[in-house]
Structures are given as C-alpha cells and as structure tokens.
Amino acid sequence: MNINYYSNQIKNAVDQNPKCITGILVTNRVFVREEGKAGKQEVLCLLYADLYDCYIWGHVFFHEGLDHYVSCLVDFESLISGRTVDHLFDRFDWYIRQKGNWQPVTIQEEWNAFAMSNNFADACSALVRMIGAFDFTKRSPFEDDEANNDPSEYRILNVYPFPSCDRDNWEKPPY
C-alpha cells in the first residue's frame, strides 16, 4: 500500500482525539518519508504542543539493530521544526542523538507508548492505537495527576541512543 494511506490513518487518529492539542500555529502534524535513516519508511506525528515546554511526538521507524519497525511516543522539551519534511526528520534525529532533551512518557498499559512490528503497516496501526488512547495528563503527568505514579516506558531507551557527552565532537544541528 501507499505510504500516504498510512499517513492519512495517523492524521485521522490525531484529528479525532480532542486530547491531541497543538494550538493554532501547528496545522500540519503528520510527516512521512519513503526513505528514513535506515532506508525504510518513517513517520513523525506531533500529538501535543501546548503548555509546559512539552512536545509529545509519535514516531514510526525501522530499527536496524532490532530488525523491526518501532512505534513509540517520546516527550521533548523543545519544539522541533523544519523547512522541509526531510529537514524536520534530520532535526528530530539530531535532537535525539545530540541534544538529548527527550524523555520517556508514562503508561498505563504496555501498548500505550511503545510497540515493535514486523512491517510498516503494523507499526502505523500500533501508532494509531497509541494516538487513540493519548491523553497528555496520562503521558506527562503533573504531581497531582492520578497518572503521576504510573511507570514510564523505558523500552524507548533501547531504540534511542543516549545523547553524546563528548561536547567537543558534537555535530552541528541541521540549520
């Protein structure tokens, strides 16, 4: 199937969940490319960009080391933007590897924020399911929120590298 078919499924899931909030400045929230870092299809989806320096992204990508597609939610402290779709993906990758200002989200069910799949279609379906259950107060809770004591999704640490501590050898961000 066409990559746009899966992109539209994800876009519809985001549009149908009123708890996926990005405000009026962000109008395009789903981004796809045929060939990501691993040479396979990749999706980025901005689920939340509203308050508290919290930007929650959905990400579908092929992880070469695991030989599977990964679907996950990740919480950033900075808004990531790009001039083109490829530029956005390059910046997202840079923020993951170099900047390191991301963190796991909390979960109530094992499938809320992480899944591994054998193919792109199943990975996109897993992300659609995560989006359907998305609620900011459950993924990035405050101290007084009921979900504050829920576990974080630490499997994400197996797919995103720890940021470089060698500041002298940092790559420049994609400007």
Protein backbone atom coordinates (compact mmCIF):
# COMPACT_ATOMS: atom_id res chain seq x y z
CA MET A 1 0.00 0.00 0.00
CA ASN A 2 0.94 3.61 -0.50
CA ILE A 3 2.68 5.44 2.36
CA ASN A 4 0.02 8.17 2.11
CA TYR A 5 -2.64 5.62 3.11
CA TYR A 6 -0.88 5.11 6.47
CA SER A 7 -0.18 8.80 6.82
CA ASN A 8 -3.90 9.51 6.42
CA GLN A 9 -4.80 6.86 9.03
CA ILE A 10 -2.46 8.52 11.52
CA LYS A 11 -3.71 12.01 10.64
CA ASN A 12 -7.32 10.89 11.12
CA ALA A 13 -6.47 9.37 14.53
CA VAL A 14 -4.85 12.65 15.64
CA ASP A 15 -7.75 14.73 14.33
CA GLN A 16 -10.33 12.52 16.06
CA ASN A 17 -8.72 12.67 19.51
CA PRO A 18 -9.57 16.04 21.10
CA LYS A 19 -6.78 15.49 23.64
CA CYS A 20 -4.16 15.75 20.88
CA ILE A 21 -3.61 19.50 21.25
CA THR A 22 -1.18 21.60 19.22
CA GLY A 23 -2.81 25.02 19.12
CA ILE A 24 -3.48 27.17 16.08
CA LEU A 25 0.15 27.64 14.99
CA VAL A 26 0.67 23.98 14.18
CA THR A 27 -1.54 22.88 11.33
CA ASN A 28 0.42 20.02 9.76
CA ARG A 29 1.11 17.34 12.38
CA VAL A 30 1.89 14.18 10.41
CA PHE A 31 5.04 13.82 8.33
CA VAL A 32 6.16 10.82 6.29
CA ARG A 33 9.10 9.94 4.13
CA GLU A 34 9.69 6.95 1.93
CA GLU A 35 13.31 6.53 2.96
CA GLY A 36 14.40 7.28 6.52
CA LYS A 37 17.83 6.83 8.15
CA ALA A 38 17.58 3.05 7.82
CA GLY A 39 16.48 3.31 4.18
CA LYS A 40 12.87 2.44 5.02
CA GLN A 41 9.62 4.34 5.53
CA GLU A 42 9.36 6.65 8.54
CA VAL A 43 6.61 8.72 10.22
CA LEU A 44 6.66 11.61 12.68
CA CYS A 45 3.46 12.83 14.27
CA LEU A 46 3.13 15.75 16.71
CA LEU A 47 0.47 14.79 19.25
CA TYR A 48 0.89 17.54 21.81
CA ALA A 49 2.39 21.04 21.71
CA ASP A 50 0.58 23.28 24.09
CA LEU A 51 1.83 24.05 27.59
CA TYR A 52 4.73 23.39 29.91
CA ASP A 53 7.52 23.05 27.31
CA CYS A 54 6.21 19.62 26.44
CA TYR A 55 6.05 18.34 22.89
CA ILE A 56 4.95 14.75 22.50
CA TRP A 57 5.76 13.06 19.22
CA GLY A 58 4.73 9.76 17.75
CA HIS A 59 7.49 8.09 15.75
CA VAL A 60 7.48 5.06 13.45
CA PHE A 61 10.85 3.95 12.12
CA PHE A 62 12.86 0.88 11.23
CA HIS A 63 15.50 -0.01 13.82
CA GLU A 64 18.32 -1.86 12.08
CA GLY A 65 19.76 -3.34 15.28
CA LEU A 66 16.42 -4.88 16.24
CA ASP A 67 15.42 -5.68 12.64
CA HIS A 68 11.89 -4.43 13.42
CA TYR A 69 9.79 -1.34 12.99
CA VAL A 70 9.33 0.65 16.19
CA SER A 71 6.28 2.76 17.08
CA CYS A 72 6.68 4.99 20.10
CA LEU A 73 5.74 8.20 21.84
CA VAL A 74 8.50 10.48 23.06
CA ASP A 75 8.40 13.69 25.12
CA PHE A 76 10.65 16.60 24.07
CA GLU A 77 11.34 19.81 25.95
CA SER A 78 11.73 21.80 22.72
CA LEU A 79 9.59 22.29 19.66
CA ILE A 80 11.27 20.80 16.62
CA SER A 81 10.51 22.29 13.24
CA GLY A 82 11.96 22.14 9.75
CA ARG A 83 11.77 23.90 6.43
CA THR A 84 11.04 20.66 4.60
CA VAL A 85 9.93 17.18 5.66
CA ASP A 86 13.48 15.81 5.33
CA HIS A 87 14.83 18.78 7.29
CA LEU A 88 12.35 18.06 10.08
CA PHE A 89 13.42 14.40 10.24
CA ASP A 90 17.10 15.43 10.26
CA ARG A 91 16.48 17.82 13.13
CA PHE A 92 14.46 15.24 15.04
CA ASP A 93 17.33 12.78 14.65
CA TRP A 94 19.84 15.41 15.79
CA TYR A 95 17.75 16.22 18.87
CA ILE A 96 17.60 12.52 19.74
CA ARG A 97 21.32 11.84 19.29
CA GLN A 98 22.99 15.13 20.22
CA LYS A 99 20.72 17.37 22.23
CA GLY A 100 19.20 14.66 24.38
CA ASN A 101 16.38 16.75 25.80
CA TRP A 102 13.82 13.96 25.46
CA GLN A 103 12.31 11.59 27.97
CA PRO A 104 10.04 8.55 28.08
CA VAL A 105 6.33 9.05 28.66
CA THR A 106 4.28 7.33 31.36
CA ILE A 107 1.98 4.44 30.52
CA GLN A 108 -0.99 2.58 31.99
CA GLU A 109 -0.90 -0.31 29.50
CA GLU A 110 2.12 -1.90 27.84
CA TRP A 111 0.99 -0.77 24.37
CA ASN A 112 0.35 2.92 25.30
CA ALA A 113 3.68 4.26 24.08
CA PHE A 114 5.84 1.53 22.52
CA ALA A 115 5.48 -1.33 20.06
CA MET A 116 7.70 -3.37 17.77
CA SER A 117 6.30 -4.68 14.48
CA ASN A 118 7.48 -6.80 11.57
CA ASN A 119 6.26 -4.33 8.95
CA PHE A 120 5.41 -0.68 8.38
CA ALA A 121 1.65 -1.24 8.17
CA ASP A 122 1.51 -2.92 11.60
CA ALA A 123 3.78 -0.23 13.07
CA CYS A 124 1.45 2.51 11.79
CA SER A 125 -1.57 0.63 13.21
CA ALA A 126 0.19 0.46 16.58
CA LEU A 127 0.77 4.23 16.47
CA VAL A 128 -2.88 4.83 15.56
CA ARG A 129 -3.87 2.81 18.65
CA MET A 130 -1.48 4.84 20.84
CA ILE A 131 -2.93 8.07 19.46
CA GLY A 132 -6.47 6.89 20.17
CA ALA A 133 -5.58 6.38 23.84
CA PHE A 134 -3.46 9.54 24.09
CA ASP A 135 -4.16 11.88 26.99
CA PHE A 136 -1.48 14.39 27.97
CA THR A 137 -2.29 14.07 31.68
CA LYS A 138 -1.51 10.35 31.44
CA ARG A 139 1.64 10.60 29.29
CA SER A 140 3.33 13.54 31.01
CA PRO A 141 1.52 13.88 34.33
CA PHE A 142 1.91 16.57 36.94
CA GLU A 143 2.49 15.79 40.61
CA ASP A 144 -1.20 15.96 41.47
CA ASP A 145 -2.37 13.93 38.45
CA GLU A 146 -3.59 10.39 39.04
CA ALA A 147 -1.12 9.05 36.46
CA ASN A 148 1.90 10.56 38.26
CA ASN A 149 2.69 7.21 39.92
CA ASP A 150 2.37 5.20 36.70
CA PRO A 151 5.51 3.65 35.23
CA SER A 152 7.49 5.24 32.43
CA GLU A 153 8.00 3.49 29.11
CA TYR A 154 11.69 2.62 29.38
CA ARG A 155 11.87 0.35 26.32
CA ILE A 156 12.42 3.56 24.37
CA LEU A 157 15.92 3.65 25.87
CA ASN A 158 16.73 0.58 23.77
CA VAL A 159 15.92 2.33 20.49
CA TYR A 160 17.02 5.93 21.01
CA PRO A 161 20.69 6.45 21.81
CA PHE A 162 21.84 8.30 24.85
CA PRO A 163 23.00 11.78 23.88
CA SER A 164 26.66 12.40 23.27
CA CYS A 165 28.54 13.58 26.34
CA ASP A 166 31.56 14.48 24.23
CA ARG A 167 30.65 18.13 23.65
CA ASP A 168 33.87 18.76 21.70
CA ASN A 169 32.74 16.37 18.97
CA TRP A 170 29.12 17.44 18.73
CA GLU A 171 27.68 17.62 15.28
CA LYS A 172 26.22 20.98 14.35
CA PRO A 173 22.43 20.98 14.17
CA PRO A 174 20.85 20.88 10.72
CA TYR A 175 20.25 24.59 10.13
